[in-house]
PDB file of N, CA and C in Angstrom:
ATOM      1  N   UNK A   1       0.836  -1.199   0.000  1.00  0.00           N
ATOM      2  CA  UNK A   1       0.000   0.000   0.000  1.00  0.00           C
ATOM      3  C   UNK A   1       0.877   1.259   0.000  1.00  0.00           C
ATOM      4  N   UNK A   2       1.896   1.282   0.845  1.00  0.00           N
ATOM      5  CA  UNK A   2       2.787   2.441   0.927  1.00  0.00           C
ATOM      6  C   UNK A   2       3.541   2.684  -0.372  1.00  0.00           C
ATOM      7  N   UNK A   3       3.846   1.580  -1.065  1.00  0.00           N
ATOM      8  CA  UNK A   3       4.591   1.691  -2.327  1.00  0.00           C
ATOM      9  C   UNK A   3       3.748   2.390  -3.395  1.00  0.00           C
ATOM     10  N   UNK A   4       2.466   2.079  -3.447  1.00  0.00           N
ATOM     11  CA  UNK A   4       1.552   2.694  -4.422  1.00  0.00           C
ATOM     12  C   UNK A   4       1.491   4.212  -4.190  1.00  0.00           C
ATOM     13  N   UNK A   5       1.405   4.623  -2.941  1.00  0.00           N
ATOM     14  CA  UNK A   5       1.349   6.052  -2.600  1.00  0.00           C
ATOM     15  C   UNK A   5       2.652   6.736  -3.022  1.00  0.00           C
ATOM     16  N   UNK A   6       3.784   6.105  -2.754  1.00  0.00           N
ATOM     17  CA  UNK A   6       5.094   6.669  -3.124  1.00  0.00           C
ATOM     18  C   UNK A   6       5.193   6.845  -4.631  1.00  0.00           C
ATOM     19  N   UNK A   7       4.775   5.836  -5.383  1.00  0.00           N
ATOM     20  CA  UNK A   7       4.813   5.902  -6.851  1.00  0.00           C
ATOM     21  C   UNK A   7       3.886   7.015  -7.342  1.00  0.00           C
ATOM     22  N   UNK A   8       2.698   7.114  -6.736  1.00  0.00           N
ATOM     23  CA  UNK A   8       1.750   8.168  -7.115  1.00  0.00           C
ATOM     24  C   UNK A   8       2.348   9.551  -6.888  1.00  0.00           C
ATOM     25  N   UNK A   9       3.002   9.727  -5.750  1.00  0.00           N
ATOM     26  CA  UNK A   9       3.642  11.015  -5.434  1.00  0.00           C
ATOM     27  C   UNK A   9       4.754  11.315  -6.438  1.00  0.00           C
ATOM     28  N   UNK A  10       5.543  10.305  -6.791  1.00  0.00           N
ATOM     29  CA  UNK A  10       6.622  10.501  -7.761  1.00  0.00           C
ATOM     30  C   UNK A  10       6.060  10.898  -9.130  1.00  0.00           C
ATOM     31  N   UNK A  11       4.990  10.247  -9.557  1.00  0.00           N
ATOM     32  CA  UNK A  11       4.357  10.585 -10.843  1.00  0.00           C
ATOM     33  C   UNK A  11       3.822  12.015 -10.792  1.00  0.00           C
ATOM     34  N   UNK A  12       3.169  12.363  -9.693  1.00  0.00           N
ATOM     35  CA  UNK A  12       2.613  13.711  -9.524  1.00  0.00           C
ATOM     36  C   UNK A  12       3.733  14.757  -9.593  1.00  0.00           C
ATOM     37  N   UNK A  13       4.831  14.510  -8.864  1.00  0.00           N
ATOM     38  CA  UNK A  13       5.978  15.429  -8.879  1.00  0.00           C
ATOM     39  C   UNK A  13       6.548  15.573 -10.282  1.00  0.00           C
ATOM     40  N   UNK A  14       6.666  14.459 -10.991  1.00  0.00           N
ATOM     41  CA  UNK A  14       7.185  14.473 -12.368  1.00  0.00           C
ATOM     42  C   UNK A  14       6.300  15.343 -13.261  1.00  0.00           C
ATOM     43  N   UNK A  15       4.983  15.176 -13.139  1.00  0.00           N
ATOM     44  CA  UNK A  15       4.043  15.959 -13.952  1.00  0.00           C
ATOM     45  C   UNK A  15       4.112  17.446 -13.608  1.00  0.00           C
ATOM     46  N   UNK A  16       4.206  17.750 -12.319  1.00  0.00           N
ATOM     47  CA  UNK A  16       4.290  19.153 -11.885  1.00  0.00           C
ATOM     48  C   UNK A  16       5.557  19.800 -12.439  1.00  0.00           C
ATOM     49  N   UNK A  17       6.713  19.146 -12.260  1.00  0.00           N
ATOM     50  CA  UNK A  17       7.973  19.705 -12.751  1.00  0.00           C
ATOM     51  C   UNK A  17       7.970  19.794 -14.272  1.00  0.00           C
ATOM     52  N   UNK A  18       7.433  18.777 -14.922  1.00  0.00           N
ATOM     53  CA  UNK A  18       7.324  18.800 -16.390  1.00  0.00           C
ATOM     54  C   UNK A  18       6.491  19.985 -16.846  1.00  0.00           C
ATOM     55  N   UNK A  19       5.380  20.212 -16.179  1.00  0.00           N
ATOM     56  CA  UNK A  19       4.508  21.346 -16.503  1.00  0.00           C
ATOM     57  C   UNK A  19       5.208  22.669 -16.296  1.00  0.00           C
ATOM     58  N   UNK A  20       5.936  22.795 -15.194  1.00  0.00           N
ATOM     59  CA  UNK A  20       6.665  24.037 -14.909  1.00  0.00           C
ATOM     60  C   UNK A  20       7.728  24.307 -15.968  1.00  0.00           C
ATOM     61  N   UNK A  21       8.414  23.265 -16.392  1.00  0.00           N
ATOM     62  CA  UNK A  21       9.456  23.410 -17.418  1.00  0.00           C
ATOM     63  C   UNK A  21       8.830  23.859 -18.740  1.00  0.00           C
ATOM     64  N   UNK A  22       7.713  23.239 -19.123  1.00  0.00           N
ATOM     65  CA  UNK A  22       7.026  23.608 -20.371  1.00  0.00           C
ATOM     66  C   UNK A  22       6.568  25.064 -20.312  1.00  0.00           C
ATOM     67  N   UNK A  23       5.946  25.451 -19.199  1.00  0.00           N
ATOM     68  CA  UNK A  23       5.481  26.831 -19.032  1.00  0.00           C
ATOM     69  C   UNK A  23       6.667  27.793 -19.081  1.00  0.00           C
ATOM     70  N   UNK A  24       7.763  27.420 -18.445  1.00  0.00           N
ATOM     71  CA  UNK A  24       8.965  28.246 -18.446  1.00  0.00           C
ATOM     72  C   UNK A  24       9.504  28.460 -19.853  1.00  0.00           C
ATOM     73  N   UNK A  25       9.581  27.387 -20.643  1.00  0.00           N
ATOM     74  CA  UNK A  25      10.073  27.505 -22.017  1.00  0.00           C
ATOM     75  C   UNK A  25       9.141  28.367 -22.854  1.00  0.00           C
ATOM     76  N   UNK A  26       7.810  28.196 -22.663  1.00  0.00           N
ATOM     77  CA  UNK A  26       6.848  29.022 -23.415  1.00  0.00           C
ATOM     78  C   UNK A  26       7.026  30.488 -23.064  1.00  0.00           C
ATOM     79  N   UNK A  27       7.244  30.780 -21.768  1.00  0.00           N
ATOM     80  CA  UNK A  27       7.434  32.162 -21.324  1.00  0.00           C
ATOM     81  C   UNK A  27       8.697  32.756 -21.945  1.00  0.00           C
ATOM     82  N   UNK A  28       9.781  31.973 -21.943  1.00  0.00           N
ATOM     83  CA  UNK A  28      11.052  32.439 -22.521  1.00  0.00           C
ATOM     84  C   UNK A  28      10.871  32.711 -24.014  1.00  0.00           C
ATOM     85  N   UNK A  29      10.163  31.803 -24.698  1.00  0.00           N
ATOM     86  CA  UNK A  29       9.922  31.971 -26.139  1.00  0.00           C
ATOM     87  C   UNK A  29       9.126  33.250 -26.399  1.00  0.00           C
ATOM     88  N   UNK A  30       8.078  33.480 -25.607  1.00  0.00           N
ATOM     89  CA  UNK A  30       7.251  34.690 -25.762  1.00  0.00           C
ATOM     90  C   UNK A  30       8.084  35.940 -25.496  1.00  0.00           C
ATOM     91  N   UNK A  31       8.953  35.882 -24.496  1.00  0.00           N
ATOM     92  CA  UNK A  31       9.810  37.022 -24.163  1.00  0.00           C
ATOM     93  C   UNK A  31      10.720  37.353 -25.336  1.00  0.00           C
ATOM     94  N   UNK A  32      11.330  36.319 -25.943  1.00  0.00           N
ATOM     95  CA  UNK A  32      12.205  36.567 -27.092  1.00  0.00           C
ATOM     96  C   UNK A  32      11.423  37.094 -28.284  1.00  0.00           C
ATOM     97  N   UNK A  33      10.183  36.601 -28.487  1.00  0.00           N
ATOM     98  CA  UNK A  33       9.345  37.111 -29.572  1.00  0.00           C
ATOM     99  C   UNK A  33       9.048  38.592 -29.351  1.00  0.00           C
ATOM    100  N   UNK A  34       8.764  38.967 -28.103  1.00  0.00           N
ATOM    101  CA  UNK A  34       8.475  40.363 -27.772  1.00  0.00           C
ATOM    102  C   UNK A  34       9.712  41.230 -28.031  1.00  0.00           C
ATOM    103  N   UNK A  35      10.888  40.757 -27.617  1.00  0.00           N
ATOM    104  CA  UNK A  35      12.129  41.500 -27.846  1.00  0.00           C
ATOM    105  C   UNK A  35      12.388  41.664 -29.345  1.00  0.00           C
ATOM    106  N   UNK A  36      12.126  40.610 -30.102  1.00  0.00           N
ATOM    107  CA  UNK A  36      12.294  40.642 -31.550  1.00  0.00           C
ATOM    108  C   UNK A  36      11.373  41.691 -32.167  1.00  0.00           C
ATOM    109  N   UNK A  37      10.121  41.737 -31.689  1.00  0.00           N
ATOM    110  CA  UNK A  37       9.155  42.714 -32.185  1.00  0.00           C
ATOM    111  C   UNK A  37       9.607  44.132 -31.858  1.00  0.00           C
ATOM    112  N   UNK A  38      10.140  44.340 -30.665  1.00  0.00           N
ATOM    113  CA  UNK A  38      10.625  45.674 -30.259  1.00  0.00           C
ATOM    114  C   UNK A  38      11.777  46.108 -31.168  1.00  0.00           C
ATOM    115  N   UNK A  39      12.694  45.204 -31.452  1.00  0.00           N
ATOM    116  CA  UNK A  39      13.829  45.512 -32.336  1.00  0.00           C
ATOM    117  C   UNK A  39      13.307  45.877 -33.728  1.00  0.00           C
ATOM    118  N   UNK A  40      12.314  45.142 -34.202  1.00  0.00           N
ATOM    119  CA  UNK A  40      11.743  45.399 -35.521  1.00  0.00           C
ATOM    120  C   UNK A  40      11.059  46.764 -35.565  1.00  0.00           C
ATOM    121  N   UNK A  41      10.307  47.092 -34.523  1.00  0.00           N
ATOM    122  CA  UNK A  41       9.635  48.397 -34.441  1.00  0.00           C
ATOM    123  C   UNK A  41      10.680  49.517 -34.457  1.00  0.00           C
ATOM    124  N   UNK A  42      11.750  49.328 -33.708  1.00  0.00           N
ATOM    125  CA  UNK A  42      12.836  50.322 -33.652  1.00  0.00           C
ATOM    126  C   UNK A  42      13.423  50.525 -35.048  1.00  0.00           C
ATOM    127  N   UNK A  43      13.618  49.437 -35.769  1.00  0.00           N
ATOM    128  CA  UNK A  43      14.167  49.493 -37.130  1.00  0.00           C
ATOM    129  C   UNK A  43      13.221  50.269 -38.053  1.00  0.00           C
ATOM    130  N   UNK A  44      11.918  49.982 -37.958  1.00  0.00           N
ATOM    131  CA  UNK A  44      10.915  50.668 -38.779  1.00  0.00           C
ATOM    132  C   UNK A  44      10.896  52.166 -38.458  1.00  0.00           C
ATOM    133  N   UNK A  45      10.952  52.506 -37.169  1.00  0.00           N
ATOM    134  CA  UNK A  45      10.961  53.916 -36.762  1.00  0.00           C
ATOM    135  C   UNK A  45      12.200  54.640 -37.294  1.00  0.00           C
ATOM    136  N   UNK A  46      13.335  53.958 -37.292  1.00  0.00           N
ATOM    137  CA  UNK A  46      14.563  54.552 -37.834  1.00  0.00           C
ATOM    138  C   UNK A  46      14.423  54.804 -39.331  1.00  0.00           C
ATOM    139  N   UNK A  47      13.786  53.865 -40.047  1.00  0.00           N
ATOM    140  CA  UNK A  47      13.552  54.031 -41.490  1.00  0.00           C
ATOM    141  C   UNK A  47      12.661  55.241 -41.740  1.00  0.00           C
ATOM    142  N   UNK A  48      11.591  55.370 -40.955  1.00  0.00           N
ATOM    143  CA  UNK A  48      10.667  56.505 -41.096  1.00  0.00           C
ATOM    144  C   UNK A  48      11.416  57.808 -40.831  1.00  0.00           C
ATOM    145  N   UNK A  49      12.244  57.815 -39.805  1.00  0.00           N
ATOM    146  CA  UNK A  49      13.021  59.000 -39.425  1.00  0.00           C
ATOM    147  C   UNK A  49      13.954  59.407 -40.574  1.00  0.00           C
ATOM    148  N   UNK A  50      14.587  58.401 -41.203  1.00  0.00           N
ATOM    149  CA  UNK A  50      15.480  58.670 -42.338  1.00  0.00           C
ATOM    150  C   UNK A  50      14.718  59.275 -43.500  1.00  0.00           C
ATOM    151  N   UNK A  51      13.506  58.796 -43.754  1.00  0.00           N
ATOM    152  CA  UNK A  51      12.693  59.310 -44.869  1.00  0.00           C
ATOM    153  C   UNK A  51      12.251  60.738 -44.603  1.00  0.00           C
ATOM    154  N   UNK A  52      12.009  61.070 -43.334  1.00  0.00           N
ATOM    155  CA  UNK A  52      11.570  62.421 -42.977  1.00  0.00           C
ATOM    156  C   UNK A  52      12.706  63.426 -43.064  1.00  0.00           C
ATOM    157  N   UNK A  53      13.946  62.970 -42.886  1.00  0.00           N
ATOM    158  CA  UNK A  53      15.100  63.899 -42.904  1.00  0.00           C
ATOM    159  C   UNK A  53      15.389  64.425 -44.288  1.00  0.00           C
TER     160      UNK A  53
END
């Protein structure tokens, strides 16, 4: 009986950590996408500024 509970806890811990890792990677990916978008906006603004000069 105790062994079943231990295995259940280990599976639960594995799923929790797996979920946290997946969420973490998604967050990092979104952060890099946002940074990429900011760099692109900056580039576009510089182009507009050059055209206005």
